[in-house]
Amino acid sequence: MTATITFRPDEDTRLALDELTADGTPVSTVVRDALVAAAARHAKARLRAEAESLAADPDDRAEAAQVLRDLESLRAW
């Protein structure tokens, strides 16, 4: 999917773009890299929040403990 996205950078964004493109990196590359990095941070934050929610859930913790007890009998040593 190819799309053209237009935005109006504010002063902070303009300064950031100037810094990131000073070495000749195209603005489109900087923007693509920033979006991919932001999406990765977002996914990690979402997973972290889900893990914290499960860790705080007493029913889930009890079920996990039961699974570990059930698997203990299958250990080879």
N, C-alpha and C. Protein backbone atom coordinates (compact mmCIF):
# COMPACT_ATOMS: atom_id res chain seq x y z
N MET A 1 0.84 -1.16 0.00
CA MET A 1 0.00 0.00 0.00
C MET A 1 0.90 1.24 0.00
N THR A 2 0.75 2.04 -0.98
CA THR A 2 1.48 3.29 -1.05
C THR A 2 0.51 4.43 -0.83
N ALA A 3 0.84 5.30 0.10
CA ALA A 3 -0.01 6.44 0.39
C ALA A 3 0.89 7.63 0.67
N THR A 4 0.39 8.76 0.32
CA THR A 4 1.09 9.99 0.64
C THR A 4 0.41 10.60 1.84
N ILE A 5 1.21 10.93 2.84
CA ILE A 5 0.68 11.53 4.05
C ILE A 5 1.29 12.93 4.18
N THR A 6 0.45 13.88 4.41
CA THR A 6 0.90 15.25 4.59
C THR A 6 0.59 15.67 6.02
N PHE A 7 1.54 16.37 6.66
CA PHE A 7 1.28 16.89 7.99
C PHE A 7 1.99 18.22 8.14
N ARG A 8 1.55 18.97 9.12
CA ARG A 8 2.15 20.26 9.40
C ARG A 8 2.93 20.14 10.70
N PRO A 9 4.26 20.09 10.60
CA PRO A 9 5.05 19.95 11.82
C PRO A 9 5.03 21.23 12.65
N ASP A 10 4.97 21.06 13.96
CA ASP A 10 5.13 22.21 14.84
C ASP A 10 6.63 22.48 14.99
N GLU A 11 6.97 23.44 15.80
CA GLU A 11 8.37 23.84 15.93
C GLU A 11 9.24 22.69 16.46
N ASP A 12 8.77 21.98 17.48
CA ASP A 12 9.54 20.86 18.03
C ASP A 12 9.75 19.76 16.99
N THR A 13 8.70 19.48 16.23
CA THR A 13 8.80 18.46 15.19
C THR A 13 9.75 18.90 14.09
N ARG A 14 9.68 20.15 13.72
CA ARG A 14 10.58 20.68 12.69
C ARG A 14 12.04 20.56 13.14
N LEU A 15 12.30 20.90 14.41
CA LEU A 15 13.67 20.77 14.94
C LEU A 15 14.11 19.31 14.94
N ALA A 16 13.21 18.41 15.32
CA ALA A 16 13.54 16.99 15.32
C ALA A 16 13.83 16.51 13.90
N LEU A 17 13.01 16.92 12.95
CA LEU A 17 13.26 16.54 11.55
C LEU A 17 14.59 17.10 11.06
N ASP A 18 14.90 18.34 11.43
CA ASP A 18 16.17 18.92 11.03
C ASP A 18 17.34 18.10 11.58
N GLU A 19 17.23 17.71 12.83
CA GLU A 19 18.29 16.90 13.46
C GLU A 19 18.43 15.55 12.77
N LEU A 20 17.31 14.90 12.51
CA LEU A 20 17.34 13.54 11.97
C LEU A 20 17.65 13.49 10.48
N THR A 21 17.53 14.61 9.80
CA THR A 21 17.82 14.64 8.37
C THR A 21 19.13 15.37 8.05
N ALA A 22 19.82 15.84 9.08
CA ALA A 22 21.06 16.60 8.88
C ALA A 22 22.12 15.80 8.12
N ASP A 23 22.07 14.48 8.26
CA ASP A 23 23.06 13.64 7.58
C ASP A 23 22.63 13.25 6.17
N GLY A 24 21.51 13.80 5.71
CA GLY A 24 21.04 13.50 4.37
C GLY A 24 19.94 12.46 4.31
N THR A 25 19.55 11.93 5.46
CA THR A 25 18.45 10.97 5.50
C THR A 25 17.18 11.66 5.03
N PRO A 26 16.46 11.06 4.09
CA PRO A 26 15.22 11.68 3.61
C PRO A 26 14.16 11.77 4.72
N VAL A 27 13.36 12.81 4.66
CA VAL A 27 12.28 12.98 5.64
C VAL A 27 11.37 11.76 5.64
N SER A 28 11.07 11.22 4.47
CA SER A 28 10.16 10.07 4.41
C SER A 28 10.73 8.87 5.17
N THR A 29 12.04 8.69 5.12
CA THR A 29 12.68 7.59 5.86
C THR A 29 12.57 7.84 7.36
N VAL A 30 12.83 9.07 7.77
CA VAL A 30 12.73 9.42 9.19
C VAL A 30 11.31 9.18 9.70
N VAL A 31 10.33 9.62 8.93
CA VAL A 31 8.94 9.46 9.35
C VAL A 31 8.55 7.98 9.40
N ARG A 32 8.93 7.21 8.38
CA ARG A 32 8.63 5.77 8.39
C ARG A 32 9.26 5.10 9.60
N ASP A 33 10.54 5.39 9.85
CA ASP A 33 11.23 4.78 11.00
C ASP A 33 10.56 5.16 12.31
N ALA A 34 10.15 6.42 12.43
CA ALA A 34 9.50 6.88 13.65
C ALA A 34 8.16 6.19 13.86
N LEU A 35 7.40 6.00 12.79
CA LEU A 35 6.10 5.33 12.92
C LEU A 35 6.28 3.87 13.32
N VAL A 36 7.24 3.20 12.71
CA VAL A 36 7.49 1.79 13.06
C VAL A 36 7.94 1.68 14.52
N ALA A 37 8.83 2.58 14.94
CA ALA A 37 9.29 2.56 16.33
C ALA A 37 8.14 2.86 17.30
N ALA A 38 7.30 3.81 16.96
CA ALA A 38 6.15 4.14 17.81
C ALA A 38 5.18 2.97 17.91
N ALA A 39 4.95 2.29 16.79
CA ALA A 39 4.06 1.13 16.81
C ALA A 39 4.63 0.02 17.68
N ALA A 40 5.94 -0.19 17.62
CA ALA A 40 6.58 -1.22 18.46
C ALA A 40 6.44 -0.85 19.93
N ARG A 41 6.68 0.42 20.27
CA ARG A 41 6.52 0.85 21.67
C ARG A 41 5.08 0.67 22.13
N HIS A 42 4.14 0.99 21.26
CA HIS A 42 2.72 0.87 21.60
C HIS A 42 2.37 -0.60 21.86
N ALA A 43 2.83 -1.49 20.99
CA ALA A 43 2.54 -2.92 21.16
C ALA A 43 3.15 -3.45 22.46
N LYS A 44 4.39 -3.04 22.75
CA LYS A 44 5.04 -3.47 24.00
C LYS A 44 4.29 -2.96 25.21
N ALA A 45 3.85 -1.71 25.16
CA ALA A 45 3.10 -1.14 26.28
C ALA A 45 1.78 -1.87 26.48
N ARG A 46 1.12 -2.20 25.37
CA ARG A 46 -0.15 -2.93 25.46
C ARG A 46 0.07 -4.32 26.07
N LEU A 47 1.12 -5.01 25.63
CA LEU A 47 1.41 -6.33 26.17
C LEU A 47 1.80 -6.25 27.64
N ARG A 48 2.59 -5.22 27.99
CA ARG A 48 2.99 -5.04 29.38
C ARG A 48 1.76 -4.81 30.26
N ALA A 49 0.83 -3.98 29.79
CA ALA A 49 -0.39 -3.72 30.55
C ALA A 49 -1.22 -4.98 30.72
N GLU A 50 -1.28 -5.79 29.66
CA GLU A 50 -2.03 -7.04 29.75
C GLU A 50 -1.37 -7.99 30.74
N ALA A 51 -0.05 -8.08 30.70
CA ALA A 51 0.68 -8.95 31.63
C ALA A 51 0.49 -8.48 33.07
N GLU A 52 0.54 -7.16 33.29
CA GLU A 52 0.33 -6.63 34.64
C GLU A 52 -1.08 -6.91 35.12
N SER A 53 -2.04 -6.82 34.22
CA SER A 53 -3.42 -7.11 34.58
C SER A 53 -3.59 -8.57 34.98
N LEU A 54 -2.98 -9.46 34.20
CA LEU A 54 -3.07 -10.88 34.53
C LEU A 54 -2.33 -11.19 35.83
N ALA A 55 -1.20 -10.56 36.04
CA ALA A 55 -0.43 -10.79 37.27
C ALA A 55 -1.20 -10.33 38.50
N ALA A 56 -2.07 -9.35 38.33
CA ALA A 56 -2.87 -8.84 39.45
C ALA A 56 -4.19 -9.58 39.61
N ASP A 57 -4.50 -10.50 38.70
CA ASP A 57 -5.77 -11.23 38.73
C ASP A 57 -5.62 -12.48 39.58
N PRO A 58 -6.25 -12.53 40.74
CA PRO A 58 -6.09 -13.69 41.63
C PRO A 58 -6.58 -14.99 41.01
N ASP A 59 -7.63 -14.92 40.20
CA ASP A 59 -8.12 -16.14 39.55
C ASP A 59 -7.11 -16.68 38.55
N ASP A 60 -6.51 -15.80 37.78
CA ASP A 60 -5.50 -16.23 36.81
C ASP A 60 -4.27 -16.78 37.52
N ARG A 61 -3.86 -16.12 38.61
CA ARG A 61 -2.69 -16.60 39.37
C ARG A 61 -2.97 -17.99 39.96
N ALA A 62 -4.19 -18.19 40.45
CA ALA A 62 -4.54 -19.49 41.02
C ALA A 62 -4.54 -20.57 39.94
N GLU A 63 -5.05 -20.24 38.76
CA GLU A 63 -5.06 -21.21 37.66
C GLU A 63 -3.64 -21.54 37.22
N ALA A 64 -2.77 -20.53 37.13
CA ALA A 64 -1.38 -20.78 36.75
C ALA A 64 -0.69 -21.66 37.78
N ALA A 65 -0.96 -21.42 39.05
CA ALA A 65 -0.37 -22.24 40.11
C ALA A 65 -0.86 -23.68 40.00
N GLN A 66 -2.13 -23.85 39.69
CA GLN A 66 -2.67 -25.21 39.53
C GLN A 66 -2.03 -25.92 38.35
N VAL A 67 -1.84 -25.24 37.26
CA VAL A 67 -1.18 -25.82 36.09
C VAL A 67 0.23 -26.27 36.46
N LEU A 68 0.95 -25.45 37.19
CA LEU A 68 2.31 -25.82 37.61
C LEU A 68 2.28 -27.07 38.50
N ARG A 69 1.31 -27.13 39.40
CA ARG A 69 1.20 -28.33 40.26
C ARG A 69 0.88 -29.57 39.41
N ASP A 70 -0.01 -29.40 38.44
CA ASP A 70 -0.36 -30.53 37.56
C ASP A 70 0.83 -31.01 36.75
N LEU A 71 1.65 -30.08 36.30
CA LEU A 71 2.81 -30.44 35.48
C LEU A 71 3.95 -31.03 36.30
N GLU A 72 3.96 -30.76 37.59
CA GLU A 72 5.03 -31.28 38.45
C GLU A 72 5.13 -32.79 38.38
N SER A 73 4.01 -33.47 38.27
CA SER A 73 4.03 -34.94 38.21
C SER A 73 4.62 -35.46 36.92
N LEU A 74 4.75 -34.61 35.91
CA LEU A 74 5.30 -35.05 34.62
C LEU A 74 6.80 -34.85 34.53
N ARG A 75 7.41 -34.28 35.56
CA ARG A 75 8.86 -34.06 35.50
C ARG A 75 9.61 -35.38 35.43
N ALA A 76 10.69 -35.39 34.68
CA ALA A 76 11.47 -36.60 34.52
C ALA A 76 12.38 -36.85 35.71
N TRP A 77 12.67 -35.86 36.51
CA TRP A 77 13.54 -36.04 37.68
C TRP A 77 13.01 -35.33 38.87
